Amino acid sequence: MSDKLVILSGPENDDVLAKKINADFINICETDWDIIAEKAKSYKQVILEHNSNEQQLYLLKTFANTYGFKTPVVESTFYVNTEVNQKIDNDSVLFIGCSHTAGEGHSNTNTVYTSQLCKLLGKKAVVNAHPGKGNSVTEEKLQTYDLKNANVVVQFTSIYRLYHNGINTNVRDFNRSQAEVFTDEILSSEFIASVKRIVKLLRTANAKFVFFHITTQLPNHNEITSLLSEYPEFLDMSNTYVDTGDLGHHFGQETHRLWAQKIMNSGLLS
């Protein structure tokens, strides 16, 4: 008897697969699930493997969720981020945004608004930035955290950065079909809908948060800003763009100082 048990979704080559990893084996379609779960208790290591059709994969995942086993990760044509419940300490602030939040254009992280704000607050900065990527990435990343009572700053970016099935596309890379579908009106509507979902997520978690929108590409900037201003957690930074980073691109130290001070003055973070 091995100290490892591999639980398979079907009988196809189950003995061969188990032999490769020197494990005992059983499959969920030929044995009662309660019996399998009980049997697993006598092993130091239990591994779930999919070796059958998609229907059996669904059953294997259902078995895993029912009995508290780790759900097997299987290659898929769909992009799925399974990371969840990352912790944010009480003495930290989570920052999510694009290259501005990453500090691009700055030779020293101390001049970036994330560091400047945390110095004012006496907290640590947890920076999760995605330069060149869009707001859908921000929404996905927030879903991976335990946001309960957390301090969070969200920096939204250009609406013209698409993110579908794990692939990022910018407006300059749109093909003709994409350009016809993803009009200013459609992208603006999707952006506002994403903001609504994110605000609801953060409020439900009782998070302390602010958000702002950095973009220079919006033809309907005033209309979108007006809609965002309906949220007390929104900060309009449009009059703060006063300098360029010391590396010659993006916004500079003074702009970032104004962002940090404006967030601090809002009193929305604890």
Protein backbone atom coordinates (compact mmCIF):
# COMPACT_ATOMS: atom_id res chain seq x y z
CA MET A 1 0.00 0.00 0.00
CA SER A 2 1.27 3.44 -0.93
CA ASP A 3 0.99 6.52 1.27
CA LYS A 4 -0.53 8.35 -1.73
CA LEU A 5 -3.98 7.95 -3.22
CA VAL A 6 -4.90 9.30 -6.64
CA ILE A 7 -8.62 9.84 -7.21
CA LEU A 8 -9.44 9.79 -10.92
CA SER A 9 -12.49 10.94 -12.86
CA GLY A 10 -12.77 7.72 -14.89
CA PRO A 11 -11.35 4.21 -15.40
CA GLU A 12 -9.32 5.01 -18.53
CA ASN A 13 -5.71 3.91 -17.81
CA ASP A 14 -6.27 4.61 -14.13
CA ASP A 15 -3.77 1.92 -13.11
CA VAL A 16 -1.12 3.28 -15.48
CA LEU A 17 -1.52 6.84 -14.24
CA ALA A 18 -1.32 5.73 -10.63
CA LYS A 19 1.78 3.64 -11.27
CA LYS A 20 3.60 6.67 -12.73
CA ILE A 21 3.36 8.49 -9.40
CA ASN A 22 3.60 5.35 -7.23
CA ALA A 23 0.12 5.76 -5.79
CA ASP A 24 -2.92 3.66 -5.03
CA PHE A 25 -5.91 4.62 -7.16
CA ILE A 26 -9.66 4.78 -7.30
CA ASN A 27 -12.10 6.53 -9.64
CA ILE A 28 -15.30 8.36 -8.89
CA CYS A 29 -17.50 6.72 -11.51
CA GLU A 30 -17.09 3.16 -10.20
CA THR A 31 -17.11 3.69 -6.44
CA ASP A 32 -19.50 5.32 -3.99
CA TRP A 33 -18.26 8.82 -3.15
CA ASP A 34 -18.69 8.38 0.61
CA ILE A 35 -16.50 5.27 0.44
CA ILE A 36 -13.84 7.17 -1.54
CA ALA A 37 -13.81 10.03 0.96
CA GLU A 38 -13.50 7.61 3.86
CA LYS A 39 -10.71 5.69 2.13
CA ALA A 40 -8.80 8.91 1.52
CA LYS A 41 -8.52 9.53 5.26
CA SER A 42 -5.96 6.72 5.56
CA TYR A 43 -3.49 8.34 3.14
CA LYS A 44 -0.92 11.05 3.80
CA GLN A 45 -1.39 12.53 0.33
CA VAL A 46 -4.50 12.61 -1.83
CA ILE A 47 -4.33 13.77 -5.45
CA LEU A 48 -7.27 14.39 -7.79
CA GLU A 49 -6.59 13.82 -11.49
CA HIS A 50 -8.86 14.12 -14.52
CA ASN A 51 -8.47 11.32 -17.09
CA SER A 52 -11.89 11.15 -18.72
CA ASN A 53 -14.45 13.31 -20.56
CA GLU A 54 -15.72 16.80 -19.68
CA GLN A 55 -18.80 15.42 -17.92
CA GLN A 56 -16.58 13.37 -15.62
CA LEU A 57 -14.41 16.42 -14.99
CA TYR A 58 -17.50 18.27 -13.78
CA LEU A 59 -18.27 15.33 -11.45
CA LEU A 60 -14.68 15.21 -10.19
CA LYS A 61 -14.83 18.92 -9.32
CA THR A 62 -18.20 18.39 -7.65
CA PHE A 63 -16.71 15.55 -5.63
CA ALA A 64 -13.79 17.77 -4.60
CA ASN A 65 -16.05 20.61 -3.49
CA THR A 66 -18.43 18.26 -1.67
CA TYR A 67 -15.76 16.52 0.38
CA GLY A 68 -13.27 19.34 0.84
CA PHE A 69 -10.53 18.23 -1.54
CA LYS A 70 -8.44 20.58 -3.66
CA THR A 71 -10.14 21.03 -7.03
CA PRO A 72 -7.96 19.70 -9.86
CA VAL A 73 -6.49 22.26 -12.26
CA VAL A 74 -7.07 21.22 -15.86
CA GLU A 75 -5.93 22.99 -19.02
CA SER A 76 -8.80 24.84 -20.63
CA THR A 77 -9.52 26.99 -23.65
CA PHE A 78 -10.85 29.59 -21.19
CA TYR A 79 -8.67 31.82 -19.03
CA VAL A 80 -9.53 31.34 -15.36
CA ASN A 81 -7.81 32.96 -12.39
CA THR A 82 -8.38 30.66 -9.41
CA GLU A 83 -6.41 32.66 -6.82
CA VAL A 84 -8.62 33.78 -3.93
CA ASN A 85 -8.59 35.28 -0.44
CA GLN A 86 -5.20 36.96 -0.46
CA LYS A 87 -4.84 38.75 2.86
CA ILE A 88 -4.31 42.47 3.36
CA ASP A 89 -2.94 43.40 6.79
CA ASN A 90 -4.58 46.15 8.82
CA ASP A 91 -1.40 48.22 8.58
CA SER A 92 -1.34 48.05 4.77
CA VAL A 93 -3.00 49.71 1.80
CA LEU A 94 -3.72 47.74 -1.37
CA PHE A 95 -3.10 49.70 -4.58
CA ILE A 96 -4.37 48.37 -7.90
CA GLY A 97 -3.90 50.20 -11.19
CA CYS A 98 -1.84 50.45 -14.37
CA SER A 99 1.63 51.92 -15.04
CA HIS A 100 0.90 55.06 -13.00
CA THR A 101 0.41 52.90 -9.92
CA ALA A 102 3.47 50.83 -10.87
CA GLY A 103 5.52 54.04 -10.73
CA GLU A 104 6.67 54.11 -14.34
CA GLY A 105 8.50 57.32 -15.15
CA HIS A 106 10.03 57.45 -11.67
CA SER A 107 13.59 56.42 -10.86
CA ASN A 108 12.74 56.02 -7.17
CA THR A 109 9.63 54.40 -5.71
CA ASN A 110 9.63 56.95 -2.89
CA THR A 111 8.28 59.57 -5.30
CA VAL A 112 5.33 57.42 -6.44
CA TYR A 113 1.94 58.27 -4.91
CA THR A 114 1.67 54.80 -3.36
CA SER A 115 4.75 55.44 -1.21
CA GLN A 116 3.92 59.08 -0.56
CA LEU A 117 0.41 58.22 0.65
CA CYS A 118 1.55 55.37 2.87
CA LYS A 119 4.14 57.65 4.44
CA LEU A 120 1.33 60.08 5.30
CA LEU A 121 -0.84 57.28 6.66
CA GLY A 122 1.93 55.41 8.46
CA LYS A 123 1.09 52.22 6.56
CA LYS A 124 2.75 49.78 4.17
CA ALA A 125 2.03 49.81 0.45
CA VAL A 126 0.87 46.60 -1.25
CA VAL A 127 1.17 47.46 -4.95
CA ASN A 128 -0.44 45.16 -7.52
CA ALA A 129 -0.03 47.02 -10.80
CA HIS A 130 -0.44 45.99 -14.44
CA PRO A 131 1.23 48.46 -16.83
CA GLY A 132 -0.40 48.63 -20.24
CA LYS A 133 -3.41 46.57 -19.20
CA GLY A 134 -6.98 47.64 -18.65
CA ASN A 135 -9.69 48.02 -16.06
CA SER A 136 -10.95 44.45 -16.48
CA VAL A 137 -7.63 43.30 -15.00
CA THR A 138 -8.25 45.56 -12.01
CA GLU A 139 -11.67 43.99 -11.46
CA GLU A 140 -10.23 40.49 -11.75
CA LYS A 141 -7.41 41.23 -9.32
CA LEU A 142 -9.77 42.63 -6.69
CA GLN A 143 -11.70 39.35 -6.80
CA THR A 144 -8.57 37.52 -5.62
CA TYR A 145 -8.34 39.38 -2.28
CA ASP A 146 -10.07 39.15 1.05
CA LEU A 147 -11.23 42.77 1.07
CA LYS A 148 -13.02 42.74 4.42
CA ASN A 149 -12.24 46.01 6.26
CA ALA A 150 -9.24 46.54 3.97
CA ASN A 151 -7.78 49.87 2.84
CA VAL A 152 -7.87 49.98 -0.96
CA VAL A 153 -6.94 52.50 -3.64
CA VAL A 154 -8.10 51.78 -7.19
CA GLN A 155 -6.61 53.69 -10.12
CA PHE A 156 -8.67 53.20 -13.27
CA THR A 157 -7.05 53.58 -16.66
CA SER A 158 -7.92 53.96 -20.36
CA ILE A 159 -11.20 52.43 -21.48
CA TYR A 160 -9.51 51.43 -24.75
CA ARG A 161 -7.56 48.55 -23.24
CA LEU A 162 -9.54 45.38 -23.89
CA TYR A 163 -9.01 42.23 -21.87
CA HIS A 164 -10.81 39.13 -23.09
CA ASN A 165 -10.01 35.54 -22.10
CA GLY A 166 -6.64 36.52 -20.68
CA ILE A 167 -5.52 38.46 -23.76
CA ASN A 168 -4.86 42.22 -23.59
CA THR A 169 -5.49 44.40 -26.67
CA ASN A 170 -5.03 48.16 -26.96
CA VAL A 171 -6.94 50.47 -29.28
CA ARG A 172 -3.99 50.77 -31.65
CA ASP A 173 -4.10 46.99 -32.12
CA PHE A 174 -7.83 46.75 -32.84
CA ASN A 175 -8.67 45.02 -36.08
CA ARG A 176 -11.49 46.40 -38.23
CA SER A 177 -14.14 44.13 -36.68
CA GLN A 178 -13.13 45.09 -33.15
CA ALA A 179 -13.14 48.79 -34.02
CA GLU A 180 -16.69 48.48 -35.36
CA VAL A 181 -17.92 46.73 -32.21
CA PHE A 182 -15.96 48.49 -29.46
CA THR A 183 -17.10 52.05 -30.04
CA ASP A 184 -16.60 54.90 -27.56
CA GLU A 185 -20.18 54.43 -26.36
CA ILE A 186 -19.80 50.67 -25.81
CA LEU A 187 -16.45 50.95 -24.03
CA SER A 188 -17.66 53.82 -21.85
CA SER A 189 -20.74 51.81 -20.88
CA GLU A 190 -18.62 48.74 -20.04
CA PHE A 191 -16.31 50.91 -17.94
CA ILE A 192 -19.15 52.43 -15.92
CA ALA A 193 -20.64 48.97 -15.38
CA SER A 194 -17.26 47.72 -14.12
CA VAL A 195 -17.00 50.65 -11.71
CA LYS A 196 -20.45 49.82 -10.34
CA ARG A 197 -19.46 46.20 -9.73
CA ILE A 198 -16.18 47.16 -8.07
CA VAL A 199 -17.81 49.74 -5.80
CA LYS A 200 -20.43 47.18 -4.77
CA LEU A 201 -17.73 44.58 -4.09
CA LEU A 202 -15.72 46.96 -1.90
CA ARG A 203 -18.74 48.31 -0.04
CA THR A 204 -20.04 44.80 0.63
CA ALA A 205 -16.65 43.94 2.13
CA ASN A 206 -16.82 47.08 4.31
CA ALA A 207 -13.54 48.18 2.76
CA LYS A 208 -12.22 51.70 3.15
CA PHE A 209 -11.49 52.78 -0.38
CA VAL A 210 -11.04 55.54 -2.92
CA PHE A 211 -10.79 55.41 -6.68
CA PHE A 212 -9.70 57.74 -9.42
CA HIS A 213 -9.42 57.66 -13.20
CA ILE A 214 -6.23 58.54 -15.08
CA THR A 215 -6.68 58.87 -18.83
CA THR A 216 -5.91 61.31 -21.62
CA GLN A 217 -7.86 59.50 -24.33
CA LEU A 218 -11.53 60.06 -23.52
CA PRO A 219 -13.68 62.05 -25.95
CA ASN A 220 -16.51 62.02 -23.38
CA HIS A 221 -14.36 62.74 -20.33
CA ASN A 222 -16.78 65.22 -18.75
CA GLU A 223 -19.78 62.89 -19.00
CA ILE A 224 -17.88 59.95 -17.47
CA THR A 225 -16.41 62.13 -14.73
CA SER A 226 -19.91 63.40 -13.93
CA LEU A 227 -21.15 59.82 -13.56
CA LEU A 228 -18.19 58.82 -11.41
CA SER A 229 -18.70 61.88 -9.21
CA GLU A 230 -21.96 60.36 -7.99
CA TYR A 231 -19.79 58.11 -5.81
CA PRO A 232 -18.38 59.74 -2.66
CA GLU A 233 -15.36 57.45 -2.97
CA PHE A 234 -14.37 58.97 -6.34
CA LEU A 235 -11.63 61.60 -6.51
CA ASP A 236 -11.32 63.75 -9.64
CA MET A 237 -7.60 64.13 -10.36
CA SER A 238 -7.98 65.93 -13.70
CA ASN A 239 -6.51 69.21 -12.38
CA THR A 240 -3.44 67.57 -10.82
CA TYR A 241 -1.39 66.71 -13.91
CA VAL A 242 1.41 69.23 -13.40
CA ASP A 243 4.72 67.54 -14.25
CA THR A 244 6.50 64.64 -15.94
CA GLY A 245 8.49 61.84 -14.31
CA ASP A 246 12.26 62.22 -13.98
CA LEU A 247 12.69 59.42 -16.53
CA GLY A 248 10.93 61.59 -19.09
CA HIS A 249 7.54 59.92 -19.23
CA HIS A 250 4.33 59.49 -17.24
CA PHE A 251 3.43 61.94 -14.47
CA GLY A 252 6.06 63.17 -12.04
CA GLN A 253 6.72 63.56 -8.34
CA GLU A 254 4.59 66.68 -7.85
CA THR A 255 1.59 65.14 -9.61
CA HIS A 256 1.92 62.03 -7.48
CA ARG A 257 2.28 64.20 -4.36
CA LEU A 258 -1.01 65.89 -5.22
CA TRP A 259 -2.68 62.49 -5.70
CA ALA A 260 -1.40 61.27 -2.33
CA GLN A 261 -2.47 64.47 -0.56
CA LYS A 262 -5.92 64.42 -2.16
CA ILE A 263 -6.47 60.81 -1.11
CA MET A 264 -5.22 61.62 2.39
CA ASN A 265 -7.49 64.67 2.66
CA SER A 266 -10.55 62.64 1.62
CA GLY A 267 -10.49 60.90 5.00
CA LEU A 268 -11.83 57.73 3.37
CA LEU A 269 -8.91 55.53 4.42
CA SER A 270 -8.21 54.59 8.01
